[in-house]
């Protein structure tokens, strides 16, 4: 359902995932902020777990990236956000979240 409106994470065939988060990608930072605000106004929490890519975090400040830049990491960090996902999420709540996401995306 969400694949029609967002870039969604997936698990390749013959692999398994623990699904610590369920994250979506949108076109740009403005779209992400608008969608997150829309969901939060409806009482649906969202999160950006890694607002900075790893190479830009303090732990890696002494590593010099003089020969290359990590454009894809930086781009994705500006477009990704996570929606609720846990074992106690009911089918009805999943549908509410999906409907709100699609409505938010259609209003962009």
PDB file of N, CA and C in Angstrom:
ATOM      1  N   UNK A   1       0.832  -1.208   0.000  1.00  0.00           N
ATOM      2  CA  UNK A   1       0.000   0.000   0.000  1.00  0.00           C
ATOM      3  C   UNK A   1       0.872   1.266   0.000  1.00  0.00           C
ATOM      4  N   UNK A   2       1.848   1.320   0.874  1.00  0.00           N
ATOM      5  CA  UNK A   2       2.676   2.524   0.957  1.00  0.00           C
ATOM      6  C   UNK A   2       3.673   2.636  -0.191  1.00  0.00           C
ATOM      7  N   UNK A   3       3.984   1.527  -0.852  1.00  0.00           N
ATOM      8  CA  UNK A   3       4.949   1.541  -1.958  1.00  0.00           C
ATOM      9  C   UNK A   3       4.529   2.463  -3.095  1.00  0.00           C
ATOM     10  N   UNK A   4       3.230   2.690  -3.234  1.00  0.00           N
ATOM     11  CA  UNK A   4       2.751   3.567  -4.304  1.00  0.00           C
ATOM     12  C   UNK A   4       3.061   5.034  -4.025  1.00  0.00           C
ATOM     13  N   UNK A   5       3.308   5.371  -2.747  1.00  0.00           N
ATOM     14  CA  UNK A   5       3.442   6.768  -2.350  1.00  0.00           C
ATOM     15  C   UNK A   5       4.806   7.124  -1.764  1.00  0.00           C
ATOM     16  N   UNK A   6       5.543   6.118  -1.298  1.00  0.00           N
ATOM     17  CA  UNK A   6       6.807   6.351  -0.607  1.00  0.00           C
ATOM     18  C   UNK A   6       7.836   5.323  -1.052  1.00  0.00           C
ATOM     19  N   UNK A   7       9.077   5.635  -0.813  1.00  0.00           N
ATOM     20  CA  UNK A   7      10.124   4.623  -0.919  1.00  0.00           C
ATOM     21  C   UNK A   7      10.164   3.944   0.446  1.00  0.00           C
ATOM     22  N   UNK A   8       9.882   2.656   0.465  1.00  0.00           N
ATOM     23  CA  UNK A   8       9.809   1.922   1.732  1.00  0.00           C
ATOM     24  C   UNK A   8      10.987   0.964   1.854  1.00  0.00           C
ATOM     25  N   UNK A   9      11.323   0.668   3.085  1.00  0.00           N
ATOM     26  CA  UNK A   9      12.380  -0.309   3.306  1.00  0.00           C
ATOM     27  C   UNK A   9      11.842  -1.697   2.992  1.00  0.00           C
ATOM     28  N   UNK A  10      12.740  -2.590   2.678  1.00  0.00           N
ATOM     29  CA  UNK A  10      12.330  -3.949   2.353  1.00  0.00           C
ATOM     30  C   UNK A  10      13.441  -4.909   2.776  1.00  0.00           C
ATOM     31  N   UNK A  11      13.086  -6.146   2.853  1.00  0.00           N
ATOM     32  CA  UNK A  11      14.054  -7.192   3.159  1.00  0.00           C
ATOM     33  C   UNK A  11      14.177  -8.055   1.905  1.00  0.00           C
ATOM     34  N   UNK A  12      15.383  -8.166   1.368  1.00  0.00           N
ATOM     35  CA  UNK A  12      15.562  -8.991   0.168  1.00  0.00           C
ATOM     36  C   UNK A  12      15.167 -10.452   0.417  1.00  0.00           C
ATOM     37  N   UNK A  13      14.832 -11.123  -0.652  1.00  0.00           N
ATOM     38  CA  UNK A  13      14.451 -12.527  -0.574  1.00  0.00           C
ATOM     39  C   UNK A  13      15.558 -13.336   0.111  1.00  0.00           C
ATOM     40  N   UNK A  14      15.148 -14.268   0.940  1.00  0.00           N
ATOM     41  CA  UNK A  14      16.052 -15.154   1.693  1.00  0.00           C
ATOM     42  C   UNK A  14      16.789 -14.453   2.836  1.00  0.00           C
ATOM     43  N   UNK A  15      16.351 -13.263   3.222  1.00  0.00           N
ATOM     44  CA  UNK A  15      16.914 -12.559   4.358  1.00  0.00           C
ATOM     45  C   UNK A  15      15.812 -12.343   5.390  1.00  0.00           C
ATOM     46  N   UNK A  16      16.197 -12.025   6.619  1.00  0.00           N
ATOM     47  CA  UNK A  16      15.253 -11.698   7.690  1.00  0.00           C
ATOM     48  C   UNK A  16      15.705 -10.401   8.342  1.00  0.00           C
ATOM     49  N   UNK A  17      14.765  -9.715   8.970  1.00  0.00           N
ATOM     50  CA  UNK A  17      15.087  -8.471   9.661  1.00  0.00           C
ATOM     51  C   UNK A  17      14.400  -8.443  11.014  1.00  0.00           C
ATOM     52  N   UNK A  18      15.017  -7.773  11.951  1.00  0.00           N
ATOM     53  CA  UNK A  18      14.411  -7.577  13.269  1.00  0.00           C
ATOM     54  C   UNK A  18      13.469  -6.374  13.263  1.00  0.00           C
ATOM     55  N   UNK A  19      13.481  -5.586  12.193  1.00  0.00           N
ATOM     56  CA  UNK A  19      12.622  -4.410  12.055  1.00  0.00           C
ATOM     57  C   UNK A  19      12.643  -3.536  13.316  1.00  0.00           C
ATOM     58  N   UNK A  20      13.778  -2.977  13.628  1.00  0.00           N
ATOM     59  CA  UNK A  20      13.883  -2.078  14.776  1.00  0.00           C
ATOM     60  C   UNK A  20      13.097  -0.793  14.551  1.00  0.00           C
ATOM     61  N   UNK A  21      13.043  -0.340  13.302  1.00  0.00           N
ATOM     62  CA  UNK A  21      12.230   0.813  12.918  1.00  0.00           C
ATOM     63  C   UNK A  21      11.611   0.507  11.563  1.00  0.00           C
ATOM     64  N   UNK A  22      10.552   1.254  11.254  1.00  0.00           N
ATOM     65  CA  UNK A  22      10.026   1.213   9.895  1.00  0.00           C
ATOM     66  C   UNK A  22      10.172   2.613   9.342  1.00  0.00           C
ATOM     67  N   UNK A  23      11.033   2.754   8.358  1.00  0.00           N
ATOM     68  CA  UNK A  23      11.377   4.077   7.835  1.00  0.00           C
ATOM     69  C   UNK A  23      10.892   4.248   6.402  1.00  0.00           C
ATOM     70  N   UNK A  24      10.616   5.491   6.063  1.00  0.00           N
ATOM     71  CA  UNK A  24      10.160   5.866   4.727  1.00  0.00           C
ATOM     72  C   UNK A  24      11.055   6.980   4.202  1.00  0.00           C
ATOM     73  N   UNK A  25      11.180   7.029   2.882  1.00  0.00           N
ATOM     74  CA  UNK A  25      11.897   8.125   2.230  1.00  0.00           C
ATOM     75  C   UNK A  25      10.910   8.953   1.419  1.00  0.00           C
ATOM     76  N   UNK A  26      11.084  10.254   1.475  1.00  0.00           N
ATOM     77  CA  UNK A  26      10.278  11.166   0.666  1.00  0.00           C
ATOM     78  C   UNK A  26      11.210  11.993  -0.220  1.00  0.00           C
ATOM     79  N   UNK A  27      10.638  12.880  -1.022  1.00  0.00           N
ATOM     80  CA  UNK A  27      11.395  13.604  -2.042  1.00  0.00           C
ATOM     81  C   UNK A  27      12.456  14.537  -1.475  1.00  0.00           C
ATOM     82  N   UNK A  28      12.123  15.222  -0.387  1.00  0.00           N
ATOM     83  CA  UNK A  28      13.049  16.217   0.140  1.00  0.00           C
ATOM     84  C   UNK A  28      12.718  16.516   1.598  1.00  0.00           C
ATOM     85  N   UNK A  29      13.549  17.362   2.197  1.00  0.00           N
ATOM     86  CA  UNK A  29      13.399  17.716   3.603  1.00  0.00           C
ATOM     87  C   UNK A  29      12.082  18.419   3.887  1.00  0.00           C
ATOM     88  N   UNK A  30      11.660  19.305   2.989  1.00  0.00           N
ATOM     89  CA  UNK A  30      10.396  20.022   3.196  1.00  0.00           C
ATOM     90  C   UNK A  30       9.211  19.060   3.215  1.00  0.00           C
ATOM     91  N   UNK A  31       9.217  18.098   2.285  1.00  0.00           N
ATOM     92  CA  UNK A  31       8.139  17.093   2.266  1.00  0.00           C
ATOM     93  C   UNK A  31       8.133  16.293   3.562  1.00  0.00           C
ATOM     94  N   UNK A  32       9.320  15.904   4.002  1.00  0.00           N
ATOM     95  CA  UNK A  32       9.410  15.140   5.253  1.00  0.00           C
ATOM     96  C   UNK A  32       8.837  15.936   6.415  1.00  0.00           C
ATOM     97  N   UNK A  33       9.242  17.195   6.533  1.00  0.00           N
ATOM     98  CA  UNK A  33       8.757  18.018   7.644  1.00  0.00           C
ATOM     99  C   UNK A  33       7.240  18.184   7.595  1.00  0.00           C
ATOM    100  N   UNK A  34       6.703  18.389   6.406  1.00  0.00           N
ATOM    101  CA  UNK A  34       5.255  18.567   6.254  1.00  0.00           C
ATOM    102  C   UNK A  34       4.511  17.292   6.630  1.00  0.00           C
ATOM    103  N   UNK A  35       4.975  16.156   6.152  1.00  0.00           N
ATOM    104  CA  UNK A  35       4.317  14.880   6.456  1.00  0.00           C
ATOM    105  C   UNK A  35       4.420  14.568   7.942  1.00  0.00           C
ATOM    106  N   UNK A  36       5.575  14.777   8.532  1.00  0.00           N
ATOM    107  CA  UNK A  36       5.734  14.511   9.967  1.00  0.00           C
ATOM    108  C   UNK A  36       4.823  15.411  10.797  1.00  0.00           C
ATOM    109  N   UNK A  37       4.733  16.660  10.420  1.00  0.00           N
ATOM    110  CA  UNK A  37       3.859  17.594  11.137  1.00  0.00           C
ATOM    111  C   UNK A  37       2.396  17.155  11.008  1.00  0.00           C
ATOM    112  N   UNK A  38       1.982  16.744   9.809  1.00  0.00           N
ATOM    113  CA  UNK A  38       0.624  16.255   9.568  1.00  0.00           C
ATOM    114  C   UNK A  38       0.327  15.062  10.474  1.00  0.00           C
ATOM    115  N   UNK A  39       1.238  14.098  10.507  1.00  0.00           N
ATOM    116  CA  UNK A  39       1.024  12.907  11.341  1.00  0.00           C
ATOM    117  C   UNK A  39       1.001  13.264  12.821  1.00  0.00           C
ATOM    118  N   UNK A  40       1.943  14.093  13.244  1.00  0.00           N
ATOM    119  CA  UNK A  40       1.988  14.482  14.654  1.00  0.00           C
ATOM    120  C   UNK A  40       0.720  15.227  15.071  1.00  0.00           C
ATOM    121  N   UNK A  41       0.154  16.038  14.181  1.00  0.00           N
ATOM    122  CA  UNK A  41      -1.103  16.730  14.479  1.00  0.00           C
ATOM    123  C   UNK A  41      -2.266  15.752  14.632  1.00  0.00           C
ATOM    124  N   UNK A  42      -2.132  14.572  14.080  1.00  0.00           N
ATOM    125  CA  UNK A  42      -3.142  13.522  14.214  1.00  0.00           C
ATOM    126  C   UNK A  42      -2.815  12.552  15.344  1.00  0.00           C
ATOM    127  N   UNK A  43      -1.804  12.866  16.132  1.00  0.00           N
ATOM    128  CA  UNK A  43      -1.439  12.020  17.260  1.00  0.00           C
ATOM    129  C   UNK A  43      -0.619  10.797  16.878  1.00  0.00           C
ATOM    130  N   UNK A  44      -0.034  10.813  15.690  1.00  0.00           N
ATOM    131  CA  UNK A  44       0.790   9.700  15.223  1.00  0.00           C
ATOM    132  C   UNK A  44       2.248  10.116  15.357  1.00  0.00           C
ATOM    133  N   UNK A  45       2.980   9.473  16.254  1.00  0.00           N
ATOM    134  CA  UNK A  45       4.372   9.878  16.454  1.00  0.00           C
ATOM    135  C   UNK A  45       5.263   9.486  15.278  1.00  0.00           C
ATOM    136  N   UNK A  46       6.259  10.297  15.042  1.00  0.00           N
ATOM    137  CA  UNK A  46       7.271  10.019  14.025  1.00  0.00           C
ATOM    138  C   UNK A  46       8.633  10.288  14.651  1.00  0.00           C
ATOM    139  N   UNK A  47       9.679   9.838  13.996  1.00  0.00           N
ATOM    140  CA  UNK A  47      11.022  10.069  14.527  1.00  0.00           C
ATOM    141  C   UNK A  47      12.024  10.116  13.383  1.00  0.00           C
ATOM    142  N   UNK A  48      13.079  10.862  13.628  1.00  0.00           N
ATOM    143  CA  UNK A  48      14.254  10.836  12.767  1.00  0.00           C
ATOM    144  C   UNK A  48      15.364  10.306  13.675  1.00  0.00           C
ATOM    145  N   UNK A  49      15.686   9.051  13.506  1.00  0.00           N
ATOM    146  CA  UNK A  49      16.633   8.416  14.409  1.00  0.00           C
ATOM    147  C   UNK A  49      18.071   8.857  14.189  1.00  0.00           C
ATOM    148  N   UNK A  50      18.415   9.150  12.963  1.00  0.00           N
ATOM    149  CA  UNK A  50      19.789   9.552  12.662  1.00  0.00           C
ATOM    150  C   UNK A  50      19.764  10.824  11.811  1.00  0.00           C
ATOM    151  N   UNK A  51      19.602  11.984  12.460  1.00  0.00           N
ATOM    152  CA  UNK A  51      19.513  13.231  11.697  1.00  0.00           C
ATOM    153  C   UNK A  51      20.807  13.591  10.964  1.00  0.00           C
ATOM    154  N   UNK A  52      21.920  13.031  11.408  1.00  0.00           N
ATOM    155  CA  UNK A  52      23.194  13.245  10.726  1.00  0.00           C
ATOM    156  C   UNK A  52      23.727  11.888  10.277  1.00  0.00           C
ATOM    157  N   UNK A  53      24.257  11.822   9.068  1.00  0.00           N
ATOM    158  CA  UNK A  53      24.885  10.565   8.655  1.00  0.00           C
ATOM    159  C   UNK A  53      26.111  10.278   9.543  1.00  0.00           C
ATOM    160  N   UNK A  54      26.509   9.026   9.596  1.00  0.00           N
ATOM    161  CA  UNK A  54      27.602   8.631  10.490  1.00  0.00           C
ATOM    162  C   UNK A  54      28.864   9.455  10.276  1.00  0.00           C
ATOM    163  N   UNK A  55      29.225   9.713   9.044  1.00  0.00           N
ATOM    164  CA  UNK A  55      30.481  10.424   8.790  1.00  0.00           C
ATOM    165  C   UNK A  55      30.463  11.871   9.275  1.00  0.00           C
ATOM    166  N   UNK A  56      29.282  12.382   9.627  1.00  0.00           N
ATOM    167  CA  UNK A  56      29.179  13.755  10.110  1.00  0.00           C
ATOM    168  C   UNK A  56      28.991  13.822  11.625  1.00  0.00           C
ATOM    169  N   UNK A  57      28.980  12.676  12.279  1.00  0.00           N
ATOM    170  CA  UNK A  57      28.795  12.659  13.723  1.00  0.00           C
ATOM    171  C   UNK A  57      30.124  12.893  14.442  1.00  0.00           C
ATOM    172  N   UNK A  58      30.016  13.377  15.659  1.00  0.00           N
ATOM    173  CA  UNK A  58      31.168  13.772  16.452  1.00  0.00           C
ATOM    174  C   UNK A  58      32.203  12.646  16.583  1.00  0.00           C
ATOM    175  N   UNK A  59      31.750  11.425  16.701  1.00  0.00           N
ATOM    176  CA  UNK A  59      32.681  10.304  16.876  1.00  0.00           C
ATOM    177  C   UNK A  59      33.652  10.174  15.704  1.00  0.00           C
ATOM    178  N   UNK A  60      33.281  10.694  14.545  1.00  0.00           N
ATOM    179  CA  UNK A  60      34.114  10.556  13.361  1.00  0.00           C
ATOM    180  C   UNK A  60      34.743  11.883  12.933  1.00  0.00           C
ATOM    181  N   UNK A  61      34.764  12.853  13.818  1.00  0.00           N
ATOM    182  CA  UNK A  61      35.243  14.196  13.457  1.00  0.00           C
ATOM    183  C   UNK A  61      36.712  14.234  13.036  1.00  0.00           C
ATOM    184  N   UNK A  62      37.516  13.285  13.513  1.00  0.00           N
ATOM    185  CA  UNK A  62      38.943  13.289  13.182  1.00  0.00           C
ATOM    186  C   UNK A  62      39.263  12.565  11.885  1.00  0.00           C
ATOM    187  N   UNK A  63      38.272  11.951  11.274  1.00  0.00           N
ATOM    188  CA  UNK A  63      38.495  11.272  10.002  1.00  0.00           C
ATOM    189  C   UNK A  63      38.291  12.283   8.883  1.00  0.00           C
ATOM    190  N   UNK A  64      39.254  12.413   8.031  1.00  0.00           N
ATOM    191  CA  UNK A  64      39.194  13.393   6.956  1.00  0.00           C
ATOM    192  C   UNK A  64      38.728  12.701   5.677  1.00  0.00           C
ATOM    193  N   UNK A  65      37.679  13.238   5.098  1.00  0.00           N
ATOM    194  CA  UNK A  65      37.147  12.731   3.834  1.00  0.00           C
ATOM    195  C   UNK A  65      37.547  13.694   2.724  1.00  0.00           C
ATOM    196  N   UNK A  66      38.816  13.786   2.457  1.00  0.00           N
ATOM    197  CA  UNK A  66      39.282  14.792   1.502  1.00  0.00           C
ATOM    198  C   UNK A  66      39.073  14.375   0.053  1.00  0.00           C
ATOM    199  N   UNK A  67      39.072  13.081  -0.219  1.00  0.00           N
ATOM    200  CA  UNK A  67      38.987  12.624  -1.608  1.00  0.00           C
ATOM    201  C   UNK A  67      37.565  12.346  -2.086  1.00  0.00           C
ATOM    202  N   UNK A  68      36.617  12.346  -1.183  1.00  0.00           N
ATOM    203  CA  UNK A  68      35.248  12.049  -1.597  1.00  0.00           C
ATOM    204  C   UNK A  68      34.265  12.617  -0.596  1.00  0.00           C
ATOM    205  N   UNK A  69      33.040  12.720  -1.025  1.00  0.00           N
ATOM    206  CA  UNK A  69      31.951  13.118  -0.146  1.00  0.00           C
ATOM    207  C   UNK A  69      30.913  12.018  -0.194  1.00  0.00           C
ATOM    208  N   UNK A  70      30.123  11.938   0.816  1.00  0.00           N
ATOM    209  CA  UNK A  70      29.105  10.895   0.912  1.00  0.00           C
ATOM    210  C   UNK A  70      27.733  11.505   0.634  1.00  0.00           C
ATOM    211  N   UNK A  71      27.519  11.882  -0.620  1.00  0.00           N
ATOM    212  CA  UNK A  71      26.302  12.581  -1.027  1.00  0.00           C
ATOM    213  C   UNK A  71      25.038  11.759  -0.758  1.00  0.00           C
ATOM    214  N   UNK A  72      25.081  10.470  -1.024  1.00  0.00           N
ATOM    215  CA  UNK A  72      23.889   9.645  -0.826  1.00  0.00           C
ATOM    216  C   UNK A  72      23.509   9.584   0.648  1.00  0.00           C
ATOM    217  N   UNK A  73      24.485   9.414   1.509  1.00  0.00           N
ATOM    218  CA  UNK A  73      24.200   9.387   2.948  1.00  0.00           C
ATOM    219  C   UNK A  73      23.608  10.710   3.419  1.00  0.00           C
ATOM    220  N   UNK A  74      24.175  11.790   2.946  1.00  0.00           N
ATOM    221  CA  UNK A  74      23.683  13.109   3.341  1.00  0.00           C
ATOM    222  C   UNK A  74      22.279  13.350   2.801  1.00  0.00           C
ATOM    223  N   UNK A  75      22.039  12.951   1.570  1.00  0.00           N
ATOM    224  CA  UNK A  75      20.719  13.107   0.965  1.00  0.00           C
ATOM    225  C   UNK A  75      19.667  12.303   1.727  1.00  0.00           C
ATOM    226  N   UNK A  76      19.959  11.053   1.979  1.00  0.00           N
ATOM    227  CA  UNK A  76      18.987  10.197   2.674  1.00  0.00           C
ATOM    228  C   UNK A  76      18.713  10.709   4.081  1.00  0.00           C
ATOM    229  N   UNK A  77      19.725  11.197   4.768  1.00  0.00           N
ATOM    230  CA  UNK A  77      19.510  11.695   6.130  1.00  0.00           C
ATOM    231  C   UNK A  77      18.557  12.880   6.152  1.00  0.00           C
ATOM    232  N   UNK A  78      18.416  13.584   5.035  1.00  0.00           N
ATOM    233  CA  UNK A  78      17.495  14.713   4.948  1.00  0.00           C
ATOM    234  C   UNK A  78      16.088  14.318   4.517  1.00  0.00           C
ATOM    235  N   UNK A  79      15.909  13.059   4.104  1.00  0.00           N
ATOM    236  CA  UNK A  79      14.613  12.646   3.563  1.00  0.00           C
ATOM    237  C   UNK A  79      13.955  11.499   4.327  1.00  0.00           C
ATOM    238  N   UNK A  80      14.658  10.872   5.266  1.00  0.00           N
ATOM    239  CA  UNK A  80      14.137   9.679   5.928  1.00  0.00           C
ATOM    240  C   UNK A  80      13.451  10.033   7.240  1.00  0.00           C
ATOM    241  N   UNK A  81      12.416   9.288   7.563  1.00  0.00           N
ATOM    242  CA  UNK A  81      11.771   9.382   8.872  1.00  0.00           C
ATOM    243  C   UNK A  81      11.123   8.037   9.170  1.00  0.00           C
ATOM    244  N   UNK A  82      10.836   7.826  10.438  1.00  0.00           N
ATOM    245  CA  UNK A  82      10.268   6.546  10.854  1.00  0.00           C
ATOM    246  C   UNK A  82       8.880   6.743  11.443  1.00  0.00           C
ATOM    247  N   UNK A  83       8.067   5.708  11.245  1.00  0.00           N
ATOM    248  CA  UNK A  83       6.688   5.709  11.745  1.00  0.00           C
ATOM    249  C   UNK A  83       6.558   4.619  12.807  1.00  0.00           C
ATOM    250  N   UNK A  84       5.460   4.630  13.562  1.00  0.00           N
ATOM    251  CA  UNK A  84       5.302   3.627  14.619  1.00  0.00           C
ATOM    252  C   UNK A  84       5.353   2.203  14.079  1.00  0.00           C
ATOM    253  N   UNK A  85       6.032   1.366  14.838  1.00  0.00           N
ATOM    254  CA  UNK A  85       6.091  -0.047  14.521  1.00  0.00           C
ATOM    255  C   UNK A  85       6.515  -0.777  15.786  1.00  0.00           C
ATOM    256  N   UNK A  86       5.647  -1.637  16.250  1.00  0.00           N
ATOM    257  CA  UNK A  86       5.953  -2.455  17.421  1.00  0.00           C
ATOM    258  C   UNK A  86       4.976  -3.625  17.451  1.00  0.00           C
ATOM    259  N   UNK A  87       5.248  -4.623  18.255  1.00  0.00           N
ATOM    260  CA  UNK A  87       4.422  -5.835  18.225  1.00  0.00           C
ATOM    261  C   UNK A  87       2.993  -5.639  18.734  1.00  0.00           C
ATOM    262  N   UNK A  88       2.721  -4.524  19.391  1.00  0.00           N
ATOM    263  CA  UNK A  88       1.379  -4.299  19.947  1.00  0.00           C
ATOM    264  C   UNK A  88       0.533  -3.380  19.079  1.00  0.00           C
ATOM    265  N   UNK A  89       1.011  -3.049  17.915  1.00  0.00           N
ATOM    266  CA  UNK A  89       0.288  -2.182  16.998  1.00  0.00           C
ATOM    267  C   UNK A  89      -0.822  -2.992  16.326  1.00  0.00           C
ATOM    268  N   UNK A  90      -2.048  -2.569  16.527  1.00  0.00           N
ATOM    269  CA  UNK A  90      -3.182  -3.317  15.970  1.00  0.00           C
ATOM    270  C   UNK A  90      -3.319  -3.072  14.465  1.00  0.00           C
ATOM    271  N   UNK A  91      -4.021  -3.950  13.805  1.00  0.00           N
ATOM    272  CA  UNK A  91      -4.296  -3.784  12.377  1.00  0.00           C
ATOM    273  C   UNK A  91      -5.046  -2.483  12.118  1.00  0.00           C
ATOM    274  N   UNK A  92      -5.975  -2.148  13.016  1.00  0.00           N
ATOM    275  CA  UNK A  92      -6.711  -0.888  12.860  1.00  0.00           C
ATOM    276  C   UNK A  92      -5.778   0.315  12.944  1.00  0.00           C
ATOM    277  N   UNK A  93      -4.843   0.290  13.890  1.00  0.00           N
ATOM    278  CA  UNK A  93      -3.901   1.403  14.014  1.00  0.00           C
ATOM    279  C   UNK A  93      -2.958   1.477  12.821  1.00  0.00           C
ATOM    280  N   UNK A  94      -2.562   0.333  12.304  1.00  0.00           N
ATOM    281  CA  UNK A  94      -1.731   0.320  11.098  1.00  0.00           C
ATOM    282  C   UNK A  94      -2.469   0.984   9.952  1.00  0.00           C
ATOM    283  N   UNK A  95      -3.741   0.670   9.809  1.00  0.00           N
ATOM    284  CA  UNK A  95      -4.543   1.267   8.738  1.00  0.00           C
ATOM    285  C   UNK A  95      -4.677   2.779   8.924  1.00  0.00           C
ATOM    286  N   UNK A  96      -4.877   3.217  10.157  1.00  0.00           N
ATOM    287  CA  UNK A  96      -4.984   4.653  10.455  1.00  0.00           C
ATOM    288  C   UNK A  96      -3.688   5.363  10.066  1.00  0.00           C
ATOM    289  N   UNK A  97      -2.553   4.775  10.420  1.00  0.00           N
ATOM    290  CA  UNK A  97      -1.254   5.363  10.093  1.00  0.00           C
ATOM    291  C   UNK A  97      -1.071   5.431   8.580  1.00  0.00           C
ATOM    292  N   UNK A  98      -1.368   4.336   7.892  1.00  0.00           N
ATOM    293  CA  UNK A  98      -1.219   4.304   6.431  1.00  0.00           C
ATOM    294  C   UNK A  98      -2.135   5.319   5.757  1.00  0.00           C
ATOM    295  N   UNK A  99      -3.377   5.386   6.197  1.00  0.00           N
ATOM    296  CA  UNK A  99      -4.315   6.356   5.616  1.00  0.00           C
ATOM    297  C   UNK A  99      -3.827   7.789   5.815  1.00  0.00           C
ATOM    298  N   UNK A 100      -3.312   8.084   7.019  1.00  0.00           N
ATOM    299  CA  UNK A 100      -2.806   9.432   7.301  1.00  0.00           C
ATOM    300  C   UNK A 100      -1.575   9.741   6.456  1.00  0.00           C
ATOM    301  N   UNK A 101      -0.706   8.771   6.290  1.00  0.00           N
ATOM    302  CA  UNK A 101       0.479   8.975   5.447  1.00  0.00           C
ATOM    303  C   UNK A 101       0.090   9.304   4.016  1.00  0.00           C
ATOM    304  N   UNK A 102      -0.832   8.536   3.483  1.00  0.00           N
ATOM    305  CA  UNK A 102      -1.263   8.761   2.099  1.00  0.00           C
ATOM    306  C   UNK A 102      -1.966  10.099   1.949  1.00  0.00           C
ATOM    307  N   UNK A 103      -2.799  10.440   2.926  1.00  0.00           N
ATOM    308  CA  UNK A 103      -3.471  11.743   2.881  1.00  0.00           C
ATOM    309  C   UNK A 103      -2.441  12.878   2.941  1.00  0.00           C
ATOM    310  N   UNK A 104      -1.471  12.748   3.817  1.00  0.00           N
ATOM    311  CA  UNK A 104      -0.426  13.774   3.935  1.00  0.00           C
ATOM    312  C   UNK A 104       0.354  13.912   2.630  1.00  0.00           C
ATOM    313  N   UNK A 105       0.696  12.800   2.032  1.00  0.00           N
ATOM    314  CA  UNK A 105       1.457  12.819   0.776  1.00  0.00           C
ATOM    315  C   UNK A 105       0.634  13.443  -0.347  1.00  0.00           C
ATOM    316  N   UNK A 106      -0.648  13.148  -0.384  1.00  0.00           N
ATOM    317  CA  UNK A 106      -1.515  13.710  -1.432  1.00  0.00           C
ATOM    318  C   UNK A 106      -1.725  15.206  -1.273  1.00  0.00           C
ATOM    319  N   UNK A 107      -1.538  15.727  -0.077  1.00  0.00           N
ATOM    320  CA  UNK A 107      -1.715  17.160   0.153  1.00  0.00           C
ATOM    321  C   UNK A 107      -0.459  17.976  -0.121  1.00  0.00           C
ATOM    322  N   UNK A 108       0.635  17.306  -0.449  1.00  0.00           N
ATOM    323  CA  UNK A 108       1.879  18.058  -0.741  1.00  0.00           C
ATOM    324  C   UNK A 108       1.730  18.864  -2.016  1.00  0.00           C
TER     325      UNK A 108
END
